[in-house]
Amino acid sequence: MVIVFLANGCEEIEALSVIDTLRRGNVEVKGVSISDSLVVKGAHGIDFMADCTFQDINFDKAEMVVLPGGLGGRDNLMADKNVVTVCKKFNELGKYVTAICASPSVLGENGILQGRKATCYPGFEKQCKGAEMLEDRVVKDGNIITSKGPGTAFEFAIELLRELKGDKEADSVAEGLLLN
């Protein structure tokens, strides 16, 4: 199972394209609101529904967490101690910890990017503490996968799918989405 943390102020494209793409690839995905409400208020005024709240998830059954970006979403993820704790635990266990846009800085500020290669939205590099920052659109370093922003959301989602289901499934979904 994949957990996509949904915080008010998140980039709608980054959150929903990951959920949609992974579901097309037959991956169980839960959009998890970090607030008490299932309604998530996106960065651009688009409200959408999470599948459940943080309290409803058994994280032991998950193999990947995804942190969408957006400045407000990033700030809310950073401020949530439960989110940070889950990310640290997943990293310690070698499970996938992934982030896009401004949210790789959540990982950097919490020591998860130490000695890793990463990328992020321009201007957040200094907050990705301990990382070797690259200009690539998507960067994979072991169990850590990062991406630059809204324009790279589908590439990021396909890379996540590739890690979980392999090249054949990822290429098939990419073709169906006209990404090839």
C-alpha atoms as a PDB file:
ATOM      1  CA  MET A   1       0.000   0.000   0.000  1.00  0.00           C
ATOM      2  CA  VAL A   2       1.095   3.553  -0.735  1.00  0.00           C
ATOM      3  CA  ILE A   3       0.216   6.453   1.541  1.00  0.00           C
ATOM      4  CA  VAL A   4      -0.090   9.915  -0.031  1.00  0.00           C
ATOM      5  CA  PHE A   5      -0.157  12.461   2.783  1.00  0.00           C
ATOM      6  CA  LEU A   6      -2.698  15.181   2.009  1.00  0.00           C
ATOM      7  CA  ALA A   7      -2.280  18.489   3.785  1.00  0.00           C
ATOM      8  CA  ASN A   8      -4.238  21.680   3.267  1.00  0.00           C
ATOM      9  CA  GLY A   9      -2.317  23.839   0.821  1.00  0.00           C
ATOM     10  CA  CYS A  10      -0.868  20.936  -1.149  1.00  0.00           C
ATOM     11  CA  GLU A  11      -0.330  21.091  -4.904  1.00  0.00           C
ATOM     12  CA  GLU A  12      -3.395  19.388  -6.291  1.00  0.00           C
ATOM     13  CA  ILE A  13      -1.604  18.179  -9.442  1.00  0.00           C
ATOM     14  CA  GLU A  14       1.167  16.538  -7.452  1.00  0.00           C
ATOM     15  CA  ALA A  15      -1.159  14.770  -5.032  1.00  0.00           C
ATOM     16  CA  LEU A  16      -3.849  13.620  -7.442  1.00  0.00           C
ATOM     17  CA  SER A  17      -1.634  12.658 -10.378  1.00  0.00           C
ATOM     18  CA  VAL A  18       0.336  10.325  -8.108  1.00  0.00           C
ATOM     19  CA  ILE A  19      -2.827   8.741  -6.707  1.00  0.00           C
ATOM     20  CA  ASP A  20      -4.389   8.404 -10.173  1.00  0.00           C
ATOM     21  CA  THR A  21      -1.260   7.022 -11.852  1.00  0.00           C
ATOM     22  CA  LEU A  22      -0.572   4.444  -9.153  1.00  0.00           C
ATOM     23  CA  ARG A  23      -4.183   3.277  -9.161  1.00  0.00           C
ATOM     24  CA  ARG A  24      -4.019   2.862 -12.948  1.00  0.00           C
ATOM     25  CA  GLY A  25      -1.040   0.594 -12.233  1.00  0.00           C
ATOM     26  CA  ASN A  26      -3.095  -1.523  -9.816  1.00  0.00           C
ATOM     27  CA  VAL A  27      -1.350  -0.226  -6.701  1.00  0.00           C
ATOM     28  CA  GLU A  28      -3.384   0.171  -3.530  1.00  0.00           C
ATOM     29  CA  VAL A  29      -3.154   3.866  -2.660  1.00  0.00           C
ATOM     30  CA  LYS A  30      -4.667   5.780   0.219  1.00  0.00           C
ATOM     31  CA  GLY A  31      -4.942   9.545   0.153  1.00  0.00           C
ATOM     32  CA  VAL A  32      -4.522  10.301   3.845  1.00  0.00           C
ATOM     33  CA  SER A  33      -5.650  13.629   5.275  1.00  0.00           C
ATOM     34  CA  ILE A  34      -3.367  14.828   8.053  1.00  0.00           C
ATOM     35  CA  SER A  35      -6.197  16.896   9.531  1.00  0.00           C
ATOM     36  CA  ASP A  36      -9.397  15.624  11.137  1.00  0.00           C
ATOM     37  CA  SER A  37     -11.347  16.400   7.956  1.00  0.00           C
ATOM     38  CA  LEU A  38     -11.541  14.286   4.810  1.00  0.00           C
ATOM     39  CA  VAL A  39     -11.859  17.504   2.790  1.00  0.00           C
ATOM     40  CA  VAL A  40      -8.462  18.780   1.695  1.00  0.00           C
ATOM     41  CA  LYS A  41      -8.149  22.385   0.557  1.00  0.00           C
ATOM     42  CA  GLY A  42      -5.627  22.517  -2.268  1.00  0.00           C
ATOM     43  CA  ALA A  43      -3.165  25.316  -2.954  1.00  0.00           C
ATOM     44  CA  HIS A  44      -5.213  26.607  -5.881  1.00  0.00           C
ATOM     45  CA  GLY A  45      -8.656  26.596  -4.323  1.00  0.00           C
ATOM     46  CA  ILE A  46      -9.605  23.071  -5.364  1.00  0.00           C
ATOM     47  CA  ASP A  47     -11.157  21.084  -2.549  1.00  0.00           C
ATOM     48  CA  PHE A  48     -10.995  17.304  -2.811  1.00  0.00           C
ATOM     49  CA  MET A  49     -11.657  14.275  -0.626  1.00  0.00           C
ATOM     50  CA  ALA A  50      -9.087  12.103   1.095  1.00  0.00           C
ATOM     51  CA  ASP A  51      -9.776   8.393   1.493  1.00  0.00           C
ATOM     52  CA  CYS A  52      -9.216   8.521   5.239  1.00  0.00           C
ATOM     53  CA  THR A  53      -7.464  10.396   8.023  1.00  0.00           C
ATOM     54  CA  PHE A  54      -4.100   9.670   9.612  1.00  0.00           C
ATOM     55  CA  GLN A  55      -5.699   7.820  12.535  1.00  0.00           C
ATOM     56  CA  ASP A  56      -7.368   5.325  10.160  1.00  0.00           C
ATOM     57  CA  ILE A  57      -4.155   3.902   8.682  1.00  0.00           C
ATOM     58  CA  ASN A  58      -2.062   0.923   9.710  1.00  0.00           C
ATOM     59  CA  PHE A  59       1.342   2.119   8.544  1.00  0.00           C
ATOM     60  CA  ASP A  60       2.875  -1.336   9.012  1.00  0.00           C
ATOM     61  CA  LYS A  61       1.023  -2.425   5.851  1.00  0.00           C
ATOM     62  CA  ALA A  62       2.413   0.418   3.734  1.00  0.00           C
ATOM     63  CA  GLU A  63       5.562   0.227   1.625  1.00  0.00           C
ATOM     64  CA  MET A  64       5.772   3.849   0.500  1.00  0.00           C
ATOM     65  CA  VAL A  65       4.865   7.337   1.670  1.00  0.00           C
ATOM     66  CA  VAL A  66       4.485  10.282  -0.690  1.00  0.00           C
ATOM     67  CA  LEU A  67       4.723  13.951   0.310  1.00  0.00           C
ATOM     68  CA  PRO A  68       3.161  16.260  -2.305  1.00  0.00           C
ATOM     69  CA  GLY A  69       4.452  19.814  -2.409  1.00  0.00           C
ATOM     70  CA  GLY A  70       2.915  23.232  -2.434  1.00  0.00           C
ATOM     71  CA  LEU A  71       4.222  25.778   0.044  1.00  0.00           C
ATOM     72  CA  GLY A  72       1.224  25.597   2.370  1.00  0.00           C
ATOM     73  CA  GLY A  73       1.090  21.821   2.101  1.00  0.00           C
ATOM     74  CA  ARG A  74       4.806  21.568   2.779  1.00  0.00           C
ATOM     75  CA  ASP A  75       4.484  23.804   5.837  1.00  0.00           C
ATOM     76  CA  ASN A  76       1.611  21.697   7.181  1.00  0.00           C
ATOM     77  CA  LEU A  77       3.505  18.442   6.571  1.00  0.00           C
ATOM     78  CA  MET A  78       6.600  19.886   8.275  1.00  0.00           C
ATOM     79  CA  ALA A  79       4.569  20.963  11.309  1.00  0.00           C
ATOM     80  CA  ASP A  80       2.927  17.553  11.735  1.00  0.00           C
ATOM     81  CA  LYS A  81       5.064  15.463  14.091  1.00  0.00           C
ATOM     82  CA  ASN A  82       3.198  12.277  13.115  1.00  0.00           C
ATOM     83  CA  VAL A  83       4.108  12.722   9.446  1.00  0.00           C
ATOM     84  CA  VAL A  84       7.752  13.348  10.320  1.00  0.00           C
ATOM     85  CA  THR A  85       7.832  10.310  12.622  1.00  0.00           C
ATOM     86  CA  VAL A  86       6.388   8.051   9.903  1.00  0.00           C
ATOM     87  CA  CYS A  87       8.904   9.335   7.337  1.00  0.00           C
ATOM     88  CA  LYS A  88      11.815   8.721   9.699  1.00  0.00           C
ATOM     89  CA  LYS A  89      10.569   5.223  10.567  1.00  0.00           C
ATOM     90  CA  PHE A  90      10.034   4.302   6.908  1.00  0.00           C
ATOM     91  CA  ASN A  91      13.545   5.483   6.090  1.00  0.00           C
ATOM     92  CA  GLU A  92      15.041   3.478   8.962  1.00  0.00           C
ATOM     93  CA  LEU A  93      13.183   0.388   7.710  1.00  0.00           C
ATOM     94  CA  GLY A  94      14.332   0.958   4.123  1.00  0.00           C
ATOM     95  CA  LYS A  95      10.771   1.589   2.927  1.00  0.00           C
ATOM     96  CA  TYR A  96      10.221   4.204   0.238  1.00  0.00           C
ATOM     97  CA  VAL A  97      10.066   7.842   1.328  1.00  0.00           C
ATOM     98  CA  THR A  98       9.194  10.123  -1.572  1.00  0.00           C
ATOM     99  CA  ALA A  99       8.579  13.841  -1.978  1.00  0.00           C
ATOM    100  CA  ILE A 100       8.025  16.388  -4.721  1.00  0.00           C
ATOM    101  CA  CYS A 101       8.308  20.169  -5.139  1.00  0.00           C
ATOM    102  CA  ALA A 102       8.905  21.932  -1.801  1.00  0.00           C
ATOM    103  CA  SER A 103       8.401  18.776   0.256  1.00  0.00           C
ATOM    104  CA  PRO A 104      11.881  17.244  -0.119  1.00  0.00           C
ATOM    105  CA  SER A 105      12.790  20.017   2.328  1.00  0.00           C
ATOM    106  CA  VAL A 106      10.643  18.243   4.956  1.00  0.00           C
ATOM    107  CA  LEU A 107      12.959  15.274   4.541  1.00  0.00           C
ATOM    108  CA  GLY A 108      16.067  17.470   4.582  1.00  0.00           C
ATOM    109  CA  GLU A 109      15.052  19.380   7.691  1.00  0.00           C
ATOM    110  CA  ASN A 110      14.571  16.053   9.475  1.00  0.00           C
ATOM    111  CA  GLY A 111      17.862  14.378   8.544  1.00  0.00           C
ATOM    112  CA  ILE A 112      16.382  11.946   6.009  1.00  0.00           C
ATOM    113  CA  LEU A 113      18.363  13.293   3.039  1.00  0.00           C
ATOM    114  CA  GLN A 114      21.753  13.111   4.771  1.00  0.00           C
ATOM    115  CA  GLY A 115      24.284  11.762   2.268  1.00  0.00           C
ATOM    116  CA  ARG A 116      21.617  11.271  -0.430  1.00  0.00           C
ATOM    117  CA  LYS A 117      21.081  12.689  -3.896  1.00  0.00           C
ATOM    118  CA  ALA A 118      17.868  14.677  -4.289  1.00  0.00           C
ATOM    119  CA  THR A 119      16.072  17.385  -6.229  1.00  0.00           C
ATOM    120  CA  CYS A 120      13.376  19.908  -5.308  1.00  0.00           C
ATOM    121  CA  TYR A 121      11.530  23.015  -6.410  1.00  0.00           C
ATOM    122  CA  PRO A 122      14.054  25.818  -7.050  1.00  0.00           C
ATOM    123  CA  GLY A 123      14.690  27.845  -3.891  1.00  0.00           C
ATOM    124  CA  PHE A 124      14.323  24.971  -1.408  1.00  0.00           C
ATOM    125  CA  GLU A 125      17.775  23.465  -1.923  1.00  0.00           C
ATOM    126  CA  LYS A 126      19.249  24.868   1.294  1.00  0.00           C
ATOM    127  CA  GLN A 127      16.450  23.248   3.307  1.00  0.00           C
ATOM    128  CA  CYS A 128      17.330  19.856   1.828  1.00  0.00           C
ATOM    129  CA  LYS A 129      20.091  19.586   4.410  1.00  0.00           C
ATOM    130  CA  GLY A 130      22.755  16.972   3.877  1.00  0.00           C
ATOM    131  CA  ALA A 131      21.705  16.161   0.307  1.00  0.00           C
ATOM    132  CA  GLU A 132      23.694  16.391  -2.875  1.00  0.00           C
ATOM    133  CA  MET A 133      21.271  18.462  -4.923  1.00  0.00           C
ATOM    134  CA  LEU A 134      20.808  17.608  -8.589  1.00  0.00           C
ATOM    135  CA  GLU A 135      18.950  19.430 -11.360  1.00  0.00           C
ATOM    136  CA  ASP A 136      17.300  16.242 -12.646  1.00  0.00           C
ATOM    137  CA  ARG A 137      13.501  16.213 -12.825  1.00  0.00           C
ATOM    138  CA  VAL A 138      13.266  13.014 -10.767  1.00  0.00           C
ATOM    139  CA  VAL A 139      16.037  11.618  -8.567  1.00  0.00           C
ATOM    140  CA  LYS A 140      16.135   8.149  -7.021  1.00  0.00           C
ATOM    141  CA  ASP A 141      18.720   7.337  -4.374  1.00  0.00           C
ATOM    142  CA  GLY A 142      17.973   4.002  -2.735  1.00  0.00           C
ATOM    143  CA  ASN A 143      14.616   4.231  -0.985  1.00  0.00           C
ATOM    144  CA  ILE A 144      14.407   8.032  -1.431  1.00  0.00           C
ATOM    145  CA  ILE A 145      12.730   9.459  -4.542  1.00  0.00           C
ATOM    146  CA  THR A 146      12.361  13.210  -5.093  1.00  0.00           C
ATOM    147  CA  SER A 147      11.083  15.407  -7.897  1.00  0.00           C
ATOM    148  CA  LYS A 148      11.045  19.099  -8.860  1.00  0.00           C
ATOM    149  CA  GLY A 149       7.415  20.226  -9.062  1.00  0.00           C
ATOM    150  CA  PRO A 150       4.033  20.306 -10.794  1.00  0.00           C
ATOM    151  CA  GLY A 151       5.490  19.915 -14.291  1.00  0.00           C
ATOM    152  CA  THR A 152       7.301  16.735 -13.243  1.00  0.00           C
ATOM    153  CA  ALA A 153       4.390  15.144 -11.365  1.00  0.00           C
ATOM    154  CA  PHE A 154       3.642  12.451 -13.953  1.00  0.00           C
ATOM    155  CA  GLU A 155       7.321  11.549 -14.363  1.00  0.00           C
ATOM    156  CA  PHE A 156       7.528  11.248 -10.580  1.00  0.00           C
ATOM    157  CA  ALA A 157       4.381   9.109 -10.439  1.00  0.00           C
ATOM    158  CA  ILE A 158       5.639   6.798 -13.195  1.00  0.00           C
ATOM    159  CA  GLU A 159       8.963   6.378 -11.368  1.00  0.00           C
ATOM    160  CA  LEU A 160       7.088   5.437  -8.192  1.00  0.00           C
ATOM    161  CA  LEU A 161       5.045   2.929 -10.188  1.00  0.00           C
ATOM    162  CA  ARG A 162       8.224   1.564 -11.790  1.00  0.00           C
ATOM    163  CA  GLU A 163       9.701   0.926  -8.331  1.00  0.00           C
ATOM    164  CA  LEU A 164       6.577  -0.820  -7.101  1.00  0.00           C
ATOM    165  CA  LYS A 165       5.430  -2.791 -10.163  1.00  0.00           C
ATOM    166  CA  GLY A 166       8.354  -2.880 -12.601  1.00  0.00           C
ATOM    167  CA  ASP A 167       9.053  -1.571 -16.069  1.00  0.00           C
ATOM    168  CA  LYS A 168       6.261  -3.384 -17.920  1.00  0.00           C
ATOM    169  CA  GLU A 169       3.451  -1.935 -15.755  1.00  0.00           C
ATOM    170  CA  ALA A 170       5.032   1.529 -15.608  1.00  0.00           C
ATOM    171  CA  ASP A 171       5.558   1.632 -19.378  1.00  0.00           C
ATOM    172  CA  SER A 172       1.997   0.428 -19.992  1.00  0.00           C
ATOM    173  CA  VAL A 173       0.477   3.116 -17.745  1.00  0.00           C
ATOM    174  CA  ALA A 174       2.762   5.785 -19.247  1.00  0.00           C
ATOM    175  CA  GLU A 175       1.640   4.761 -22.727  1.00  0.00           C
ATOM    176  CA  GLY A 176      -2.012   4.880 -21.713  1.00  0.00           C
ATOM    177  CA  LEU A 177      -1.487   8.386 -20.348  1.00  0.00           C
ATOM    178  CA  LEU A 178       0.260   9.392 -23.613  1.00  0.00           C
ATOM    179  CA  LEU A 179       3.474  10.108 -21.722  1.00  0.00           C
ATOM    180  CA  ASN A 180       5.640   8.100 -24.149  1.00  0.00           C
END
